[in-house]
């Protein structure tokens, strides 16, 4: 694909500077890899270095200094770069239709323009929405409902009764609706509690590779629309995540945790169960959440506490060695003074 810089400026709703609008752009790439025929992007503090790159053109913030290269200025260079990637490197097209090597139960409903690739399994009463793509070795259980224009990559499992919204992406190996970790312990023995609920996932959700979201005991584990979940995340039974949350790799939320909207969990955050986490919260990596958290909180540490408090305590911990040395010196001084009195 080739586009002129002028066409790209219109496409990005940006402003050109120092550029011939007929300059031909043949691709998009990262700043270090871009060639003279490609476009890249930069944001502070990397704008000056971008001027020294081999990129033929750059997307920069509107207030960035001119760097002597053809530039398109936009409000959000990262978002513009994402649009360029989608333009120059669109996803590979998948041939539509149901493979003769896939198993589709006769009672399942398959929408229009669906692709079901070899060795996929679609169970009885399942509904697959228009435009959805199901890759090889995907398991779709009985009475599952999958919306329109979804993508289920290889080895995804969606168990019985679960509901997936529109335009949702399930990366390879994700398991939706596995049994929740529910047991009753009597006389030292653990007896399984049947998990008869389901998982309900909203629109425009993405769930990473090998992430597991357990079904509720009797009702629904819920993932709100727009939420993005990374690889190797575990969400326990009866959890409720709000809309537009960001859940980074190796997060684990225990059962019956309720989370508001626009919450960010950095890597390896963990929580106890049966708590409420408010909206617009941010948790630093490896935070341990042990109690309810109000809206608009920024937390870190174990147990998770306000970030400012955690920083102060970290500074104090680093001073313990010095304080210990001073304490020992004082103890020696007191001991010597006491011996002199004797």
Protein backbone atom coordinates (compact mmCIF):
# COMPACT_ATOMS: atom_id res chain seq x y z
CA UNK A 1 0.00 0.00 0.00
CA UNK A 2 1.12 3.54 -0.77
CA UNK A 3 -0.33 6.82 0.48
CA UNK A 4 0.75 10.42 0.04
CA UNK A 5 1.59 12.40 3.14
CA UNK A 6 -1.28 14.72 2.28
CA UNK A 7 -3.72 11.81 2.25
CA UNK A 8 -2.39 10.64 5.62
CA UNK A 9 -2.76 14.12 7.10
CA UNK A 10 -6.43 14.12 6.11
CA UNK A 11 -6.84 10.54 7.36
CA UNK A 12 -5.39 11.51 10.77
CA UNK A 13 -7.12 14.90 10.89
CA UNK A 14 -3.67 16.42 11.37
CA UNK A 15 -1.61 19.36 10.12
CA UNK A 16 1.42 18.95 7.84
CA UNK A 17 4.64 20.84 8.40
CA UNK A 18 7.85 20.97 6.37
CA UNK A 19 6.52 18.43 3.93
CA UNK A 20 5.57 17.93 0.31
CA UNK A 21 1.97 16.67 0.38
CA UNK A 22 2.83 14.37 -2.56
CA UNK A 23 5.59 12.61 -0.61
CA UNK A 24 4.92 8.87 -0.95
CA UNK A 25 4.68 6.80 2.25
CA UNK A 26 4.98 3.05 1.73
CA UNK A 27 4.61 1.80 5.28
CA UNK A 28 4.60 2.41 9.02
CA UNK A 29 7.15 1.24 11.56
CA UNK A 30 8.66 1.84 14.97
CA UNK A 31 11.04 4.76 15.34
CA UNK A 32 14.23 2.69 15.37
CA UNK A 33 13.19 0.44 12.48
CA UNK A 34 11.53 2.97 10.15
CA UNK A 35 13.12 3.61 6.74
CA UNK A 36 13.10 6.67 4.49
CA UNK A 37 9.87 5.45 2.85
CA UNK A 38 8.04 4.86 6.13
CA UNK A 39 6.29 6.97 8.74
CA UNK A 40 6.65 6.66 12.50
CA UNK A 41 5.70 8.67 15.58
CA UNK A 42 7.33 10.22 18.65
CA UNK A 43 6.26 11.86 21.89
CA UNK A 44 8.36 13.67 24.52
CA UNK A 45 11.07 12.99 25.58
CA UNK A 46 11.86 11.20 22.31
CA UNK A 47 11.05 13.98 19.83
CA UNK A 48 14.64 15.19 19.47
CA UNK A 49 15.91 11.65 18.90
CA UNK A 50 13.18 11.15 16.32
CA UNK A 51 14.74 13.91 14.26
CA UNK A 52 17.89 11.79 13.95
CA UNK A 53 16.02 8.65 12.89
CA UNK A 54 15.85 7.32 9.33
CA UNK A 55 12.06 7.68 9.19
CA UNK A 56 10.88 9.56 6.13
CA UNK A 57 8.08 11.28 8.05
CA UNK A 58 6.85 11.54 11.62
CA UNK A 59 3.65 12.01 13.56
CA UNK A 60 4.26 14.44 16.44
CA UNK A 61 2.24 16.27 19.10
CA UNK A 62 0.94 19.67 18.06
CA UNK A 63 3.20 21.49 20.50
CA UNK A 64 6.43 19.61 19.69
CA UNK A 65 9.39 21.55 18.29
CA UNK A 66 10.05 21.38 14.56
CA UNK A 67 12.80 18.81 13.89
CA UNK A 68 13.54 19.31 10.21
CA UNK A 69 11.59 16.30 8.92
CA UNK A 70 8.21 16.04 7.22
CA UNK A 71 5.73 16.06 10.07
CA UNK A 72 2.03 15.52 10.67
CA UNK A 73 0.94 17.17 13.91
CA UNK A 74 -1.97 15.62 15.83
CA UNK A 75 -3.52 15.74 19.30
CA UNK A 76 -2.59 12.16 20.18
CA UNK A 77 0.35 10.64 18.25
CA UNK A 78 -0.10 7.20 19.83
CA UNK A 79 -3.71 7.00 18.69
CA UNK A 80 -2.69 8.23 15.25
CA UNK A 81 0.01 5.54 15.05
CA UNK A 82 -2.59 2.90 15.89
CA UNK A 83 -4.72 4.14 12.98
CA UNK A 84 -1.73 4.00 10.66
CA UNK A 85 -0.99 0.42 11.69
CA UNK A 86 -4.58 -0.57 10.94
CA UNK A 87 -4.35 1.18 7.56
CA UNK A 88 -1.01 -0.22 6.39
CA UNK A 89 -1.07 -3.57 8.18
CA UNK A 90 -4.70 -4.69 8.39
CA UNK A 91 -5.47 -8.10 9.92
CA UNK A 92 -5.18 -11.04 7.58
CA UNK A 93 -8.45 -11.86 5.88
CA UNK A 94 -10.05 -15.17 6.81
CA UNK A 95 -12.08 -17.15 4.29
CA UNK A 96 -15.71 -17.08 5.34
CA UNK A 97 -17.77 -20.22 5.75
CA UNK A 98 -17.88 -23.33 7.92
CA UNK A 99 -15.10 -25.85 7.37
CA UNK A 100 -16.15 -29.40 6.61
CA UNK A 101 -13.76 -30.43 9.38
CA UNK A 102 -15.52 -28.34 12.05
CA UNK A 103 -18.32 -29.81 14.17
CA UNK A 104 -21.49 -27.74 14.32
CA UNK A 105 -24.39 -29.17 16.30
CA UNK A 106 -27.57 -29.20 14.18
CA UNK A 107 -29.36 -27.07 16.79
CA UNK A 108 -26.72 -24.32 16.75
CA UNK A 109 -27.44 -21.03 14.97
CA UNK A 110 -24.70 -19.64 12.74
CA UNK A 111 -24.93 -16.04 11.51
CA UNK A 112 -23.96 -14.51 8.19
CA UNK A 113 -20.33 -14.14 7.01
CA UNK A 114 -19.06 -16.33 9.84
CA UNK A 115 -15.78 -18.25 9.59
CA UNK A 116 -15.54 -21.52 11.50
CA UNK A 117 -12.16 -23.10 10.81
CA UNK A 118 -11.18 -26.80 10.93
CA UNK A 119 -11.55 -28.74 14.18
CA UNK A 120 -13.65 -26.11 15.95
CA UNK A 121 -16.61 -27.40 18.00
CA UNK A 122 -19.92 -25.56 18.39
CA UNK A 123 -22.37 -27.20 20.78
CA UNK A 124 -26.13 -27.58 20.80
CA UNK A 125 -28.22 -24.43 21.02
CA UNK A 126 -25.19 -22.15 20.63
CA UNK A 127 -25.62 -18.88 18.72
CA UNK A 128 -22.78 -17.38 16.69
CA UNK A 129 -23.33 -13.78 15.56
CA UNK A 130 -22.71 -12.35 12.10
CA UNK A 131 -19.11 -11.84 11.05
CA UNK A 132 -17.55 -13.79 13.91
CA UNK A 133 -14.35 -15.79 13.30
CA UNK A 134 -13.69 -19.04 15.16
CA UNK A 135 -10.19 -20.46 14.75
CA UNK A 136 -9.15 -24.15 14.91
CA UNK A 137 -9.61 -26.13 18.12
CA UNK A 138 -12.01 -23.63 19.70
CA UNK A 139 -14.68 -25.17 21.94
CA UNK A 140 -18.05 -23.40 22.15
CA UNK A 141 -20.31 -25.14 24.63
CA UNK A 142 -24.05 -25.69 24.73
CA UNK A 143 -26.30 -22.61 24.69
CA UNK A 144 -23.38 -20.18 24.43
CA UNK A 145 -24.24 -16.86 22.79
CA UNK A 146 -21.48 -15.07 20.89
CA UNK A 147 -22.15 -11.64 19.39
CA UNK A 148 -21.26 -10.12 16.06
CA UNK A 149 -17.75 -9.61 14.67
CA UNK A 150 -15.99 -11.44 17.48
CA UNK A 151 -12.70 -13.31 17.12
CA UNK A 152 -11.95 -16.51 19.04
CA UNK A 153 -8.37 -17.62 18.48
CA UNK A 154 -7.10 -21.20 18.65
CA UNK A 155 -7.78 -23.32 21.72
CA UNK A 156 -10.24 -20.90 23.31
CA UNK A 157 -12.87 -22.56 25.49
CA UNK A 158 -16.26 -20.95 26.10
CA UNK A 159 -18.25 -23.24 28.31
CA UNK A 160 -21.97 -23.84 28.46
CA UNK A 161 -24.35 -20.94 28.89
CA UNK A 162 -21.82 -18.11 28.68
CA UNK A 163 -22.59 -14.89 26.81
CA UNK A 164 -20.08 -12.90 24.74
CA UNK A 165 -20.90 -9.42 23.42
CA UNK A 166 -20.14 -7.86 20.05
CA UNK A 167 -16.62 -7.19 18.70
CA UNK A 168 -14.98 -9.07 21.56
CA UNK A 169 -11.60 -10.77 21.07
CA UNK A 170 -10.58 -13.91 22.95
CA UNK A 171 -6.89 -14.65 22.53
CA UNK A 172 -5.50 -18.18 22.29
CA UNK A 173 -6.05 -20.48 25.24
CA UNK A 174 -8.49 -18.26 27.14
CA UNK A 175 -11.02 -20.22 29.21
CA UNK A 176 -14.38 -18.58 29.79
CA UNK A 177 -16.76 -20.23 32.23
CA UNK A 178 -14.61 -22.84 33.92
CA UNK A 179 -15.90 -23.96 37.30
CA UNK A 180 -15.40 -21.54 40.17
CA UNK A 181 -13.25 -22.66 43.09
CA UNK A 182 -16.10 -23.57 45.40
CA UNK A 183 -15.90 -26.25 48.10
CA UNK A 184 -17.42 -27.06 51.47
CA UNK A 185 -15.07 -28.51 54.06
CA UNK A 186 -16.55 -30.98 56.56
CA UNK A 187 -14.60 -33.29 58.81
CA UNK A 188 -11.40 -32.42 56.98
CA UNK A 189 -12.77 -33.32 53.55
CA UNK A 190 -13.52 -30.93 50.67
CA UNK A 191 -16.78 -31.43 48.77
CA UNK A 192 -17.41 -29.63 45.49
CA UNK A 193 -20.16 -27.01 45.25
CA UNK A 194 -21.66 -27.16 41.76
CA UNK A 195 -21.08 -23.98 39.78
CA UNK A 196 -24.27 -23.49 37.79
CA UNK A 197 -23.97 -19.80 36.85
CA UNK A 198 -22.26 -18.37 33.78
CA UNK A 199 -19.96 -15.61 32.53
CA UNK A 200 -21.34 -12.55 30.74
CA UNK A 201 -18.86 -10.47 28.74
CA UNK A 202 -19.81 -7.11 27.24
CA UNK A 203 -18.99 -5.48 23.91
CA UNK A 204 -15.48 -4.51 22.74
CA UNK A 205 -13.72 -6.60 25.38
CA UNK A 206 -10.34 -8.24 24.76
CA UNK A 207 -9.14 -11.17 26.87
CA UNK A 208 -5.53 -12.31 26.68
CA UNK A 209 -3.84 -15.65 26.14
CA UNK A 210 -4.40 -18.31 28.82
CA UNK A 211 -6.59 -16.08 30.95
CA UNK A 212 -9.28 -17.83 32.99
CA UNK A 213 -12.61 -16.31 34.01
CA UNK A 214 -14.63 -18.62 36.26
CA UNK A 215 -18.39 -19.02 36.05
CA UNK A 216 -20.51 -17.81 38.95
CA UNK A 217 -21.89 -20.21 41.51
CA UNK A 218 -25.52 -19.41 40.67
CA UNK A 219 -25.71 -16.10 38.77
CA UNK A 220 -23.13 -14.40 36.53
CA UNK A 221 -19.49 -13.39 36.56
CA UNK A 222 -19.58 -10.12 34.61
CA UNK A 223 -16.98 -8.30 32.50
CA UNK A 224 -18.11 -4.82 31.45
CA UNK A 225 -17.92 -3.44 27.94
CA UNK A 226 -14.60 -1.99 26.81
CA UNK A 227 -12.53 -3.78 29.45
CA UNK A 228 -9.14 -5.11 28.33
CA UNK A 229 -7.57 -8.09 30.10
CA UNK A 230 -3.97 -9.21 29.55
CA UNK A 231 -2.46 -12.71 29.50
CA UNK A 232 -2.42 -15.12 32.45
CA UNK A 233 -5.09 -13.33 34.48
CA UNK A 234 -7.45 -15.17 36.81
CA UNK A 235 -10.86 -13.79 37.76
CA UNK A 236 -12.76 -15.77 40.36
CA UNK A 237 -16.40 -16.80 40.42
CA UNK A 238 -19.02 -14.08 40.93
CA UNK A 239 -16.56 -11.27 40.16
CA UNK A 240 -18.01 -8.17 38.55
CA UNK A 241 -15.70 -5.87 36.57
CA UNK A 242 -17.03 -2.57 35.34
CA UNK A 243 -16.55 -0.94 31.96
CA UNK A 244 -13.24 0.15 30.43
CA UNK A 245 -11.00 -1.47 33.03
CA UNK A 246 -7.37 -2.41 32.28
CA UNK A 247 -6.14 -5.65 33.84
CA UNK A 248 -2.44 -6.37 33.27
CA UNK A 249 -0.76 -9.79 33.23
CA UNK A 250 -0.86 -12.15 36.21
CA UNK A 251 -3.53 -10.25 38.13
CA UNK A 252 -5.66 -12.46 40.35
CA UNK A 253 -8.98 -11.30 41.80
CA UNK A 254 -10.62 -13.63 44.31
CA UNK A 255 -14.29 -14.54 44.07
CA UNK A 256 -17.12 -12.05 44.61
CA UNK A 257 -14.90 -9.01 44.05
CA UNK A 258 -16.84 -6.06 42.63
CA UNK A 259 -14.90 -3.50 40.59
CA UNK A 260 -16.15 -0.15 39.29
CA UNK A 261 -15.48 1.46 35.91
CA UNK A 262 -12.11 2.64 34.54
CA UNK A 263 -9.98 0.77 37.07
CA UNK A 264 -6.37 -0.16 36.24
CA UNK A 265 -4.66 -3.17 37.81
CA UNK A 266 -0.92 -3.31 37.05
CA UNK A 267 0.94 -6.62 36.87
CA UNK A 268 0.54 -9.24 39.60
CA UNK A 269 -2.03 -7.32 41.64
CA UNK A 270 -4.02 -9.63 43.90
CA UNK A 271 -7.14 -9.23 45.98
CA UNK A 272 -9.06 -11.01 48.68
CA UNK A 273 -12.67 -11.84 47.88
CA UNK A 274 -15.97 -10.24 48.84
CA UNK A 275 -14.73 -6.64 48.60
CA UNK A 276 -15.73 -3.59 46.56
CA UNK A 277 -13.24 -1.55 44.55
CA UNK A 278 -14.50 1.84 43.40
CA UNK A 279 -14.30 3.45 39.97
CA UNK A 280 -11.29 5.30 38.54
CA UNK A 281 -8.77 3.53 40.79
CA UNK A 282 -5.18 2.63 39.92
CA UNK A 283 -3.18 -0.15 41.60
CA UNK A 284 0.59 -0.35 41.21
CA UNK A 285 2.25 -3.67 40.37
CA UNK A 286 2.07 -6.34 43.08
CA UNK A 287 -0.43 -4.43 45.19
CA UNK A 288 -2.33 -6.65 47.60
CA UNK A 289 -5.92 -5.48 48.06
CA UNK A 290 -7.33 -6.62 51.39
CA UNK A 291 -10.30 -4.32 51.98
CA UNK A 292 -12.81 -2.07 50.25
CA UNK A 293 -11.28 0.75 48.19
CA UNK A 294 -13.12 4.05 47.54
CA UNK A 295 -13.45 5.73 44.15
CA UNK A 296 -10.50 7.62 42.64
CA UNK A 297 -7.87 5.88 44.78
CA UNK A 298 -4.25 5.39 43.70
CA UNK A 299 -2.78 2.53 45.71
CA UNK A 300 0.42 0.52 46.08
CA UNK A 301 2.03 -2.03 48.36
CA UNK A 302 0.83 -4.86 50.56
CA UNK A 303 -1.62 -4.30 52.00
CA UNK A 304 -2.67 -1.82 49.32
CA UNK A 305 -2.75 1.71 50.70
CA UNK A 306 -2.67 5.25 49.28
CA UNK A 307 0.36 5.65 47.04
CA UNK A 308 1.69 8.66 48.98
CA UNK A 309 1.59 6.70 52.24
CA UNK A 310 3.36 3.78 50.61
CA UNK A 311 6.12 6.07 49.30
CA UNK A 312 6.66 7.59 52.75
CA UNK A 313 6.86 4.16 54.34
CA UNK A 314 9.31 2.97 51.69
CA UNK A 315 11.57 5.93 52.48
CA UNK A 316 11.34 5.13 56.18
CA UNK A 317 12.20 1.47 55.53
CA UNK A 318 15.32 2.49 53.63
CA UNK A 319 16.44 4.50 56.67
CA UNK A 320 16.11 1.58 59.08
CA UNK A 321 19.78 0.62 58.73
CA UNK A 322 20.94 4.13 59.63
CA UNK A 323 18.42 4.39 62.45
CA UNK A 324 19.56 1.01 63.79
CA UNK A 325 23.20 2.17 63.80
CA UNK A 326 22.23 5.34 65.67
CA UNK A 327 20.19 3.32 68.16
CA UNK A 328 23.14 1.02 68.86
CA UNK A 329 25.40 4.03 69.37
CA UNK A 330 22.89 5.52 71.80
CA UNK A 331 22.63 2.23 73.69
CA UNK A 332 26.41 2.15 74.07
CA UNK A 333 26.42 5.75 75.26
CA UNK A 334 23.68 5.09 77.81
CA UNK A 335 25.49 1.97 79.01
CA UNK A 336 28.73 3.90 79.47
CA UNK A 337 26.97 6.70 81.35
CA UNK A 338 25.30 4.19 83.62
CA UNK A 339 28.63 2.48 84.34
CA UNK A 340 30.21 5.84 85.20
CA UNK A 341 27.45 6.53 87.76
CA UNK A 342 28.22 3.25 89.45
